[in-house]
Amino acid sequence: MARMHSRKRGKHGSKRPAKKTAPSWILHDQKKVELLIAKLSKEGKSASQIGTLLRDTYGIPSVSALCGKSISAILKEKKLSPEMPDDLTALFRKYASVKKHIDTNKHDNTAGRGLQLTESKINRLVKYYKRTGRIPETWKFEADQMGFFAE
């Protein structure tokens, strides 16, 4: 599959196993994992951070294979899901950091192009999330309010 804003193909990465069953060597059961996900979410971790922590620290390769549902579905079930989706929040952070870079480096036209591409990705995702009901129809992306995402 090609990239979004260029026609490059990219390098092949590792593939997940085709079998969607939990391995027999996992030490945790479904209830423990769901409680662990809730605990990590209350600590302020996003769904992708939770998945990485479960994989690297706790040795759980796939939550969906073990529990039968994704991390975000478990968070929604326990009413712990954030109001903004994780991918949109990550794009907000990227937009804010590139904007901050452009404010200090005014002649960096390549970064300006990156800012345009990031903004179009945000608008595309916002349109999708409005259509699916994940964010309200009246929500609007305003570039000048993204300063609080800069780190």
C-alpha atoms as a PDB file:
ATOM      1  CA  MET A   1       0.000   0.000   0.000  1.00  0.00           C
ATOM      2  CA  ALA A   2       1.336   3.426  -0.913  1.00  0.00           C
ATOM      3  CA  ARG A   3       1.783   6.301   1.462  1.00  0.00           C
ATOM      4  CA  MET A   4      -0.850   9.020   1.741  1.00  0.00           C
ATOM      5  CA  HIS A   5       0.903  12.074   0.276  1.00  0.00           C
ATOM      6  CA  SER A   6       3.591  10.423  -1.832  1.00  0.00           C
ATOM      7  CA  ARG A   7       3.677   7.449  -4.130  1.00  0.00           C
ATOM      8  CA  LYS A   8       6.398   5.635  -2.180  1.00  0.00           C
ATOM      9  CA  ARG A   9       5.818   2.091  -1.026  1.00  0.00           C
ATOM     10  CA  GLY A  10       7.959   2.008   2.112  1.00  0.00           C
ATOM     11  CA  LYS A  11       9.784  -0.936   3.638  1.00  0.00           C
ATOM     12  CA  HIS A  12       8.099  -4.138   4.626  1.00  0.00           C
ATOM     13  CA  GLY A  13       7.697  -4.619   8.367  1.00  0.00           C
ATOM     14  CA  SER A  14       7.166  -7.691  10.459  1.00  0.00           C
ATOM     15  CA  LYS A  15       3.815  -9.388  10.140  1.00  0.00           C
ATOM     16  CA  ARG A  16       1.526 -10.554  12.924  1.00  0.00           C
ATOM     17  CA  PRO A  17       0.599 -14.224  12.981  1.00  0.00           C
ATOM     18  CA  ALA A  18      -2.441 -15.188  10.923  1.00  0.00           C
ATOM     19  CA  LYS A  19      -3.877 -17.238  13.779  1.00  0.00           C
ATOM     20  CA  LYS A  20      -6.020 -15.011  16.012  1.00  0.00           C
ATOM     21  CA  THR A  21      -5.924 -17.232  19.109  1.00  0.00           C
ATOM     22  CA  ALA A  22      -4.065 -16.438  22.302  1.00  0.00           C
ATOM     23  CA  PRO A  23      -0.803 -18.344  22.831  1.00  0.00           C
ATOM     24  CA  SER A  24      -0.779 -20.950  25.586  1.00  0.00           C
ATOM     25  CA  TRP A  25       2.224 -19.380  27.351  1.00  0.00           C
ATOM     26  CA  ILE A  26       0.420 -16.162  28.412  1.00  0.00           C
ATOM     27  CA  LEU A  27       0.353 -15.929  32.221  1.00  0.00           C
ATOM     28  CA  HIS A  28      -2.601 -13.508  32.487  1.00  0.00           C
ATOM     29  CA  ASP A  29      -6.279 -14.250  31.991  1.00  0.00           C
ATOM     30  CA  GLN A  30      -8.952 -12.044  30.424  1.00  0.00           C
ATOM     31  CA  LYS A  31     -10.189 -10.463  33.689  1.00  0.00           C
ATOM     32  CA  LYS A  32      -6.655  -9.541  34.815  1.00  0.00           C
ATOM     33  CA  VAL A  33      -5.893  -7.923  31.472  1.00  0.00           C
ATOM     34  CA  GLU A  34      -9.102  -5.859  31.492  1.00  0.00           C
ATOM     35  CA  LEU A  35      -8.365  -4.627  35.019  1.00  0.00           C
ATOM     36  CA  LEU A  36      -4.798  -3.804  33.965  1.00  0.00           C
ATOM     37  CA  ILE A  37      -6.061  -1.832  30.962  1.00  0.00           C
ATOM     38  CA  ALA A  38      -8.430   0.144  33.211  1.00  0.00           C
ATOM     39  CA  LYS A  39      -5.620   0.848  35.701  1.00  0.00           C
ATOM     40  CA  LEU A  40      -3.238   2.050  32.973  1.00  0.00           C
ATOM     41  CA  SER A  41      -5.959   4.217  31.468  1.00  0.00           C
ATOM     42  CA  LYS A  42      -6.620   5.890  34.818  1.00  0.00           C
ATOM     43  CA  GLU A  43      -2.885   6.663  34.981  1.00  0.00           C
ATOM     44  CA  GLY A  44      -3.311   8.731  31.821  1.00  0.00           C
ATOM     45  CA  LYS A  45      -2.017   6.331  29.165  1.00  0.00           C
ATOM     46  CA  SER A  46      -3.566   6.275  25.698  1.00  0.00           C
ATOM     47  CA  ALA A  47      -4.796   3.076  24.055  1.00  0.00           C
ATOM     48  CA  SER A  48      -1.672   2.740  21.910  1.00  0.00           C
ATOM     49  CA  GLN A  49       0.596   3.301  24.937  1.00  0.00           C
ATOM     50  CA  ILE A  50      -1.377   0.671  26.857  1.00  0.00           C
ATOM     51  CA  GLY A  51      -0.899  -1.827  24.025  1.00  0.00           C
ATOM     52  CA  THR A  52       2.836  -1.183  23.933  1.00  0.00           C
ATOM     53  CA  LEU A  53       3.135  -1.525  27.719  1.00  0.00           C
ATOM     54  CA  LEU A  54       1.162  -4.775  27.720  1.00  0.00           C
ATOM     55  CA  ARG A  55       3.367  -6.167  24.980  1.00  0.00           C
ATOM     56  CA  ASP A  56       6.747  -5.071  26.362  1.00  0.00           C
ATOM     57  CA  THR A  57       6.223  -5.228  30.135  1.00  0.00           C
ATOM     58  CA  TYR A  58       3.580  -7.863  30.693  1.00  0.00           C
ATOM     59  CA  GLY A  59       4.257 -10.167  27.733  1.00  0.00           C
ATOM     60  CA  ILE A  60       0.769  -9.984  26.229  1.00  0.00           C
ATOM     61  CA  PRO A  61       1.231 -10.060  22.434  1.00  0.00           C
ATOM     62  CA  SER A  62      -2.376  -9.369  21.426  1.00  0.00           C
ATOM     63  CA  VAL A  63      -5.205  -8.142  23.628  1.00  0.00           C
ATOM     64  CA  SER A  64      -7.798  -8.853  20.957  1.00  0.00           C
ATOM     65  CA  ALA A  65      -6.670 -12.486  20.698  1.00  0.00           C
ATOM     66  CA  LEU A  66      -6.842 -12.895  24.477  1.00  0.00           C
ATOM     67  CA  CYS A  67     -10.006 -10.915  25.296  1.00  0.00           C
ATOM     68  CA  GLY A  68     -11.863 -11.046  21.994  1.00  0.00           C
ATOM     69  CA  LYS A  69     -12.051  -7.238  21.766  1.00  0.00           C
ATOM     70  CA  SER A  70      -9.683  -4.343  21.267  1.00  0.00           C
ATOM     71  CA  ILE A  71      -8.228  -2.064  23.927  1.00  0.00           C
ATOM     72  CA  SER A  72     -10.412   0.833  22.795  1.00  0.00           C
ATOM     73  CA  ALA A  73     -13.518  -1.390  22.992  1.00  0.00           C
ATOM     74  CA  ILE A  74     -12.582  -2.368  26.556  1.00  0.00           C
ATOM     75  CA  LEU A  75     -12.054   1.304  27.475  1.00  0.00           C
ATOM     76  CA  LYS A  76     -15.410   2.245  25.927  1.00  0.00           C
ATOM     77  CA  GLU A  77     -17.090  -0.578  27.850  1.00  0.00           C
ATOM     78  CA  LYS A  78     -15.643   0.712  31.126  1.00  0.00           C
ATOM     79  CA  LYS A  79     -16.454   4.336  30.147  1.00  0.00           C
ATOM     80  CA  LEU A  80     -12.774   5.336  30.196  1.00  0.00           C
ATOM     81  CA  SER A  81     -12.307   6.221  26.528  1.00  0.00           C
ATOM     82  CA  PRO A  82     -11.070   9.769  25.828  1.00  0.00           C
ATOM     83  CA  GLU A  83     -13.358  12.288  24.142  1.00  0.00           C
ATOM     84  CA  MET A  84     -10.846  12.727  21.278  1.00  0.00           C
ATOM     85  CA  PRO A  85      -9.493   9.649  19.461  1.00  0.00           C
ATOM     86  CA  ASP A  86      -5.797   8.861  19.918  1.00  0.00           C
ATOM     87  CA  ASP A  87      -4.813   9.274  16.276  1.00  0.00           C
ATOM     88  CA  LEU A  88      -6.394  12.717  16.121  1.00  0.00           C
ATOM     89  CA  THR A  89      -4.642  13.784  19.332  1.00  0.00           C
ATOM     90  CA  ALA A  90      -1.303  12.611  17.907  1.00  0.00           C
ATOM     91  CA  LEU A  91      -1.905  14.677  14.771  1.00  0.00           C
ATOM     92  CA  PHE A  92      -2.753  17.708  16.936  1.00  0.00           C
ATOM     93  CA  ARG A  93       0.578  17.295  18.742  1.00  0.00           C
ATOM     94  CA  LYS A  94       2.444  16.993  15.457  1.00  0.00           C
ATOM     95  CA  TYR A  95       0.688  20.068  14.059  1.00  0.00           C
ATOM     96  CA  ALA A  96       1.543  22.106  17.163  1.00  0.00           C
ATOM     97  CA  SER A  97       5.209  21.090  17.136  1.00  0.00           C
ATOM     98  CA  VAL A  98       5.644  21.866  13.423  1.00  0.00           C
ATOM     99  CA  LYS A  99       3.851  25.200  13.913  1.00  0.00           C
ATOM    100  CA  LYS A 100       6.190  26.038  16.791  1.00  0.00           C
ATOM    101  CA  HIS A 101       9.171  25.144  14.580  1.00  0.00           C
ATOM    102  CA  ILE A 102       7.899  27.379  11.769  1.00  0.00           C
ATOM    103  CA  ASP A 103       7.443  30.301  14.184  1.00  0.00           C
ATOM    104  CA  THR A 104      11.168  30.184  14.988  1.00  0.00           C
ATOM    105  CA  ASN A 105      12.328  29.217  11.451  1.00  0.00           C
ATOM    106  CA  LYS A 106      10.270  31.347   9.099  1.00  0.00           C
ATOM    107  CA  HIS A 107      12.072  30.343   5.888  1.00  0.00           C
ATOM    108  CA  ASP A 108      11.665  26.596   6.342  1.00  0.00           C
ATOM    109  CA  ASN A 109       9.339  25.946   3.406  1.00  0.00           C
ATOM    110  CA  THR A 110       9.616  22.170   3.713  1.00  0.00           C
ATOM    111  CA  ALA A 111       8.172  22.358   7.199  1.00  0.00           C
ATOM    112  CA  GLY A 112       5.403  24.574   5.838  1.00  0.00           C
ATOM    113  CA  ARG A 113       4.506  21.841   3.371  1.00  0.00           C
ATOM    114  CA  GLY A 114       4.529  19.326   6.235  1.00  0.00           C
ATOM    115  CA  LEU A 115       2.156  21.598   8.124  1.00  0.00           C
ATOM    116  CA  GLN A 116      -0.235  21.641   5.162  1.00  0.00           C
ATOM    117  CA  LEU A 117      -0.143  17.853   4.871  1.00  0.00           C
ATOM    118  CA  THR A 118      -0.746  17.406   8.593  1.00  0.00           C
ATOM    119  CA  GLU A 119      -3.680  19.809   8.479  1.00  0.00           C
ATOM    120  CA  SER A 120      -5.237  17.902   5.584  1.00  0.00           C
ATOM    121  CA  LYS A 121      -4.834  14.618   7.496  1.00  0.00           C
ATOM    122  CA  ILE A 122      -6.561  16.223  10.486  1.00  0.00           C
ATOM    123  CA  ASN A 123      -9.427  17.473   8.324  1.00  0.00           C
ATOM    124  CA  ARG A 124      -9.830  14.054   6.691  1.00  0.00           C
ATOM    125  CA  LEU A 125      -9.968  12.301  10.079  1.00  0.00           C
ATOM    126  CA  VAL A 126     -12.350  14.900  11.533  1.00  0.00           C
ATOM    127  CA  LYS A 127     -14.696  14.347   8.604  1.00  0.00           C
ATOM    128  CA  TYR A 128     -14.629  10.585   9.216  1.00  0.00           C
ATOM    129  CA  TYR A 129     -15.168  10.903  12.980  1.00  0.00           C
ATOM    130  CA  LYS A 130     -18.087  13.307  12.472  1.00  0.00           C
ATOM    131  CA  ARG A 131     -19.669  10.857  10.040  1.00  0.00           C
ATOM    132  CA  THR A 132     -19.307   7.938  12.470  1.00  0.00           C
ATOM    133  CA  GLY A 133     -20.490   9.986  15.465  1.00  0.00           C
ATOM    134  CA  ARG A 134     -17.214   9.787  17.418  1.00  0.00           C
ATOM    135  CA  ILE A 135     -17.015  13.594  17.684  1.00  0.00           C
ATOM    136  CA  PRO A 136     -19.936  16.071  17.525  1.00  0.00           C
ATOM    137  CA  GLU A 137     -21.028  17.511  14.178  1.00  0.00           C
ATOM    138  CA  THR A 138     -20.452  21.065  15.444  1.00  0.00           C
ATOM    139  CA  TRP A 139     -16.778  20.461  16.362  1.00  0.00           C
ATOM    140  CA  LYS A 140     -14.366  22.482  14.235  1.00  0.00           C
ATOM    141  CA  PHE A 141     -10.583  22.302  13.880  1.00  0.00           C
ATOM    142  CA  GLU A 142      -9.035  25.670  14.689  1.00  0.00           C
ATOM    143  CA  ALA A 143      -5.324  25.906  14.046  1.00  0.00           C
ATOM    144  CA  ASP A 144      -4.723  28.815  16.435  1.00  0.00           C
ATOM    145  CA  GLN A 145      -5.944  26.772  19.435  1.00  0.00           C
ATOM    146  CA  MET A 146      -3.413  23.962  18.944  1.00  0.00           C
ATOM    147  CA  GLY A 147      -0.748  25.703  21.052  1.00  0.00           C
ATOM    148  CA  PHE A 148      -1.598  23.728  24.190  1.00  0.00           C
ATOM    149  CA  PHE A 149      -0.569  20.484  22.421  1.00  0.00           C
ATOM    150  CA  ALA A 150       3.017  21.699  21.930  1.00  0.00           C
ATOM    151  CA  GLU A 151       5.495  20.063  24.208  1.00  0.00           C
END
